[in-house]
Amino acid sequence: SLVAGVVETGGVTTVWGAGFMANETVTVVVFGGGGTDTILGGGGANSFGALMTDMTVNMDPGIYSLKAMGSLGSEATAPLLVVEPK
């Protein structure tokens, strides 16, 4: 599973994940409109397969699909809502 919150353009969001393999390296990608994919970041799952990582989001406002891909084959998805700065 993967959870991400609402983030302002240029802001930082925390992404949480679970169900990965112990100590698996995870890359988080956002799928943009027009087929443009952007790697937001990633990190290592802990010994329980859980992940928490902060990522800066420099995308236009809109709703996007996040996909976390583990180096050992694990995958998870979640929506990401990017809004205009207040």
N, C-alpha and C. Protein backbone atom coordinates (compact mmCIF):
# COMPACT_ATOMS: atom_id res chain seq x y z
N SER A 1 0.84 -1.18 0.00
CA SER A 1 0.00 0.00 0.00
C SER A 1 0.88 1.24 0.00
N LEU A 2 0.28 2.34 -0.43
CA LEU A 2 1.02 3.60 -0.55
C LEU A 2 0.06 4.73 -0.20
N VAL A 3 0.54 5.72 0.55
CA VAL A 3 -0.28 6.87 0.95
C VAL A 3 0.52 8.14 0.69
N ALA A 4 -0.14 9.11 0.07
CA ALA A 4 0.44 10.44 -0.13
C ALA A 4 -0.65 11.46 0.14
N GLY A 5 -0.27 12.65 0.54
CA GLY A 5 -1.26 13.66 0.87
C GLY A 5 -1.41 14.70 -0.22
N VAL A 6 -2.06 15.77 0.12
CA VAL A 6 -2.20 16.93 -0.75
C VAL A 6 -0.95 17.79 -0.54
N VAL A 7 -0.42 18.33 -1.63
CA VAL A 7 0.79 19.14 -1.54
C VAL A 7 0.67 20.34 -2.47
N GLU A 8 1.20 21.48 -2.02
CA GLU A 8 1.26 22.66 -2.88
C GLU A 8 2.42 22.50 -3.87
N THR A 9 2.25 23.08 -5.06
CA THR A 9 3.33 23.07 -6.04
C THR A 9 4.59 23.66 -5.40
N GLY A 10 5.70 22.94 -5.49
CA GLY A 10 6.96 23.37 -4.89
C GLY A 10 7.10 22.96 -3.44
N GLY A 11 6.08 22.32 -2.89
CA GLY A 11 6.10 21.91 -1.49
C GLY A 11 6.64 20.51 -1.30
N VAL A 12 6.68 20.12 -0.04
CA VAL A 12 7.17 18.80 0.34
C VAL A 12 6.02 17.97 0.88
N THR A 13 5.94 16.73 0.44
CA THR A 13 4.94 15.80 0.96
C THR A 13 5.65 14.56 1.50
N THR A 14 5.03 13.94 2.46
CA THR A 14 5.55 12.68 2.99
C THR A 14 4.77 11.54 2.34
N VAL A 15 5.48 10.55 1.86
CA VAL A 15 4.88 9.36 1.27
C VAL A 15 5.19 8.19 2.20
N TRP A 16 4.13 7.44 2.53
CA TRP A 16 4.26 6.25 3.38
C TRP A 16 3.90 5.03 2.57
N GLY A 17 4.59 3.95 2.80
CA GLY A 17 4.29 2.71 2.09
C GLY A 17 4.45 1.52 3.02
N ALA A 18 3.78 0.44 2.68
CA ALA A 18 3.88 -0.81 3.44
C ALA A 18 3.70 -1.98 2.49
N GLY A 19 4.16 -3.13 2.89
CA GLY A 19 4.02 -4.33 2.08
C GLY A 19 5.21 -4.59 1.17
N PHE A 20 6.27 -3.83 1.35
CA PHE A 20 7.48 -4.08 0.58
C PHE A 20 8.28 -5.19 1.27
N MET A 21 9.27 -5.70 0.59
CA MET A 21 10.16 -6.69 1.19
C MET A 21 11.06 -5.99 2.20
N ALA A 22 11.50 -6.71 3.19
CA ALA A 22 12.39 -6.15 4.20
C ALA A 22 13.63 -5.55 3.54
N ASN A 23 13.92 -4.30 3.87
CA ASN A 23 15.11 -3.59 3.41
C ASN A 23 15.17 -3.39 1.89
N GLU A 24 14.04 -3.48 1.22
CA GLU A 24 13.99 -3.30 -0.23
C GLU A 24 14.18 -1.82 -0.59
N THR A 25 14.93 -1.54 -1.64
CA THR A 25 15.09 -0.18 -2.14
C THR A 25 13.86 0.16 -2.98
N VAL A 26 13.26 1.33 -2.69
CA VAL A 26 12.01 1.71 -3.35
C VAL A 26 12.19 3.04 -4.08
N THR A 27 11.73 3.11 -5.32
CA THR A 27 11.73 4.32 -6.13
C THR A 27 10.28 4.75 -6.32
N VAL A 28 10.00 6.04 -6.11
CA VAL A 28 8.65 6.57 -6.27
C VAL A 28 8.62 7.43 -7.52
N VAL A 29 7.69 7.09 -8.43
CA VAL A 29 7.54 7.77 -9.71
C VAL A 29 6.14 8.36 -9.77
N VAL A 30 6.02 9.56 -10.34
CA VAL A 30 4.70 10.16 -10.59
C VAL A 30 4.47 10.12 -12.09
N PHE A 31 3.29 9.63 -12.47
CA PHE A 31 2.92 9.55 -13.87
C PHE A 31 2.17 10.82 -14.24
N GLY A 32 2.75 11.61 -15.14
CA GLY A 32 2.14 12.87 -15.53
C GLY A 32 1.34 12.73 -16.80
N GLY A 33 0.61 13.78 -17.09
CA GLY A 33 -0.15 13.82 -18.33
C GLY A 33 0.77 13.82 -19.53
N GLY A 34 0.31 13.29 -20.64
CA GLY A 34 1.11 13.27 -21.85
C GLY A 34 2.23 12.25 -21.83
N GLY A 35 2.17 11.30 -20.90
CA GLY A 35 3.17 10.23 -20.87
C GLY A 35 4.48 10.60 -20.21
N THR A 36 4.55 11.75 -19.55
CA THR A 36 5.78 12.16 -18.88
C THR A 36 5.81 11.59 -17.47
N ASP A 37 6.80 10.79 -17.18
CA ASP A 37 6.97 10.21 -15.85
C ASP A 37 8.16 10.88 -15.17
N THR A 38 8.02 11.15 -13.86
CA THR A 38 9.06 11.83 -13.11
C THR A 38 9.38 11.06 -11.85
N ILE A 39 10.64 10.78 -11.62
CA ILE A 39 11.05 10.15 -10.37
C ILE A 39 11.05 11.23 -9.30
N LEU A 40 10.25 11.01 -8.25
CA LEU A 40 10.20 11.97 -7.14
C LEU A 40 11.26 11.68 -6.10
N GLY A 41 11.64 10.44 -5.97
CA GLY A 41 12.63 10.06 -4.97
C GLY A 41 12.41 8.63 -4.55
N GLY A 42 12.77 8.34 -3.34
CA GLY A 42 12.63 6.99 -2.83
C GLY A 42 13.42 6.81 -1.57
N GLY A 43 13.65 5.57 -1.25
CA GLY A 43 14.38 5.26 -0.04
C GLY A 43 14.36 3.77 0.20
N GLY A 44 14.73 3.40 1.37
CA GLY A 44 14.77 1.99 1.72
C GLY A 44 13.65 1.62 2.68
N ALA A 45 12.99 0.53 2.38
CA ALA A 45 12.01 -0.01 3.33
C ALA A 45 12.75 -0.51 4.56
N ASN A 46 12.08 -0.48 5.69
CA ASN A 46 12.73 -0.98 6.91
C ASN A 46 12.61 -2.50 7.00
N SER A 47 13.01 -3.07 8.09
CA SER A 47 13.01 -4.53 8.24
C SER A 47 11.60 -5.12 8.27
N PHE A 48 10.59 -4.25 8.41
CA PHE A 48 9.19 -4.70 8.38
C PHE A 48 8.55 -4.45 7.02
N GLY A 49 9.29 -3.90 6.06
CA GLY A 49 8.77 -3.62 4.73
C GLY A 49 8.01 -2.31 4.64
N ALA A 50 8.18 -1.43 5.62
CA ALA A 50 7.51 -0.13 5.61
C ALA A 50 8.47 0.96 5.17
N LEU A 51 7.91 2.03 4.58
CA LEU A 51 8.71 3.11 4.02
C LEU A 51 8.08 4.44 4.39
N MET A 52 8.89 5.42 4.73
CA MET A 52 8.45 6.79 4.90
C MET A 52 9.53 7.68 4.31
N THR A 53 9.14 8.56 3.37
CA THR A 53 10.11 9.42 2.73
C THR A 53 9.46 10.75 2.37
N ASP A 54 10.20 11.84 2.50
CA ASP A 54 9.73 13.17 2.13
C ASP A 54 10.20 13.48 0.72
N MET A 55 9.30 14.10 -0.08
CA MET A 55 9.62 14.40 -1.46
C MET A 55 9.14 15.79 -1.83
N THR A 56 9.98 16.53 -2.54
CA THR A 56 9.59 17.84 -3.06
C THR A 56 8.86 17.63 -4.39
N VAL A 57 7.72 18.31 -4.52
CA VAL A 57 6.87 18.14 -5.71
C VAL A 57 6.84 19.44 -6.49
N ASN A 58 7.46 19.45 -7.65
CA ASN A 58 7.49 20.63 -8.52
C ASN A 58 6.66 20.34 -9.77
N MET A 59 5.37 20.11 -9.57
CA MET A 59 4.48 19.78 -10.68
C MET A 59 3.34 20.78 -10.72
N ASP A 60 2.74 20.92 -11.88
CA ASP A 60 1.56 21.77 -12.01
C ASP A 60 0.42 21.21 -11.18
N PRO A 61 -0.50 22.07 -10.75
CA PRO A 61 -1.67 21.58 -10.01
C PRO A 61 -2.42 20.53 -10.82
N GLY A 62 -2.93 19.54 -10.12
CA GLY A 62 -3.70 18.46 -10.74
C GLY A 62 -3.61 17.22 -9.90
N ILE A 63 -4.25 16.17 -10.35
CA ILE A 63 -4.19 14.89 -9.65
C ILE A 63 -3.34 13.94 -10.49
N TYR A 64 -2.44 13.26 -9.82
CA TYR A 64 -1.47 12.40 -10.48
C TYR A 64 -1.50 11.01 -9.84
N SER A 65 -0.94 10.04 -10.55
CA SER A 65 -0.77 8.69 -10.01
C SER A 65 0.67 8.50 -9.59
N LEU A 66 0.85 8.06 -8.35
CA LEU A 66 2.18 7.69 -7.86
C LEU A 66 2.32 6.18 -7.95
N LYS A 67 3.52 5.74 -8.24
CA LYS A 67 3.81 4.31 -8.22
C LYS A 67 5.14 4.12 -7.52
N ALA A 68 5.14 3.28 -6.51
CA ALA A 68 6.37 2.93 -5.81
C ALA A 68 6.80 1.55 -6.30
N MET A 69 8.04 1.47 -6.75
CA MET A 69 8.56 0.23 -7.30
C MET A 69 9.77 -0.22 -6.50
N GLY A 70 9.68 -1.41 -5.94
CA GLY A 70 10.77 -1.95 -5.16
C GLY A 70 11.76 -2.71 -6.00
N SER A 71 13.00 -2.72 -5.56
CA SER A 71 14.07 -3.39 -6.29
C SER A 71 13.90 -4.91 -6.32
N LEU A 72 13.04 -5.45 -5.45
CA LEU A 72 12.80 -6.89 -5.42
C LEU A 72 11.45 -7.26 -6.03
N GLY A 73 10.81 -6.29 -6.72
CA GLY A 73 9.58 -6.57 -7.44
C GLY A 73 8.30 -6.10 -6.79
N SER A 74 8.36 -5.53 -5.61
CA SER A 74 7.14 -5.03 -4.96
C SER A 74 6.67 -3.76 -5.66
N GLU A 75 5.34 -3.54 -5.67
CA GLU A 75 4.78 -2.33 -6.26
C GLU A 75 3.59 -1.86 -5.45
N ALA A 76 3.35 -0.55 -5.46
CA ALA A 76 2.18 0.03 -4.81
C ALA A 76 1.85 1.32 -5.53
N THR A 77 0.57 1.72 -5.49
CA THR A 77 0.14 2.95 -6.15
C THR A 77 -0.72 3.78 -5.20
N ALA A 78 -0.80 5.08 -5.50
CA ALA A 78 -1.64 6.00 -4.74
C ALA A 78 -1.86 7.27 -5.55
N PRO A 79 -2.94 7.98 -5.32
CA PRO A 79 -3.12 9.28 -5.97
C PRO A 79 -2.33 10.35 -5.23
N LEU A 80 -1.94 11.40 -5.96
CA LEU A 80 -1.29 12.57 -5.38
C LEU A 80 -2.00 13.80 -5.91
N LEU A 81 -2.49 14.65 -5.01
CA LEU A 81 -3.15 15.90 -5.40
C LEU A 81 -2.20 17.05 -5.20
N VAL A 82 -1.91 17.79 -6.29
CA VAL A 82 -1.04 18.96 -6.23
C VAL A 82 -1.93 20.19 -6.43
N VAL A 83 -1.81 21.17 -5.52
CA VAL A 83 -2.65 22.37 -5.55
C VAL A 83 -1.78 23.62 -5.67
N GLU A 84 -2.43 24.74 -6.04
CA GLU A 84 -1.76 26.03 -6.10
C GLU A 84 -1.32 26.45 -4.70
N PRO A 85 -0.17 27.09 -4.59
CA PRO A 85 0.24 27.62 -3.27
C PRO A 85 -0.76 28.66 -2.78
N LYS A 86 -0.97 28.72 -1.48
CA LYS A 86 -1.91 29.69 -0.88
C LYS A 86 -1.27 31.05 -0.75
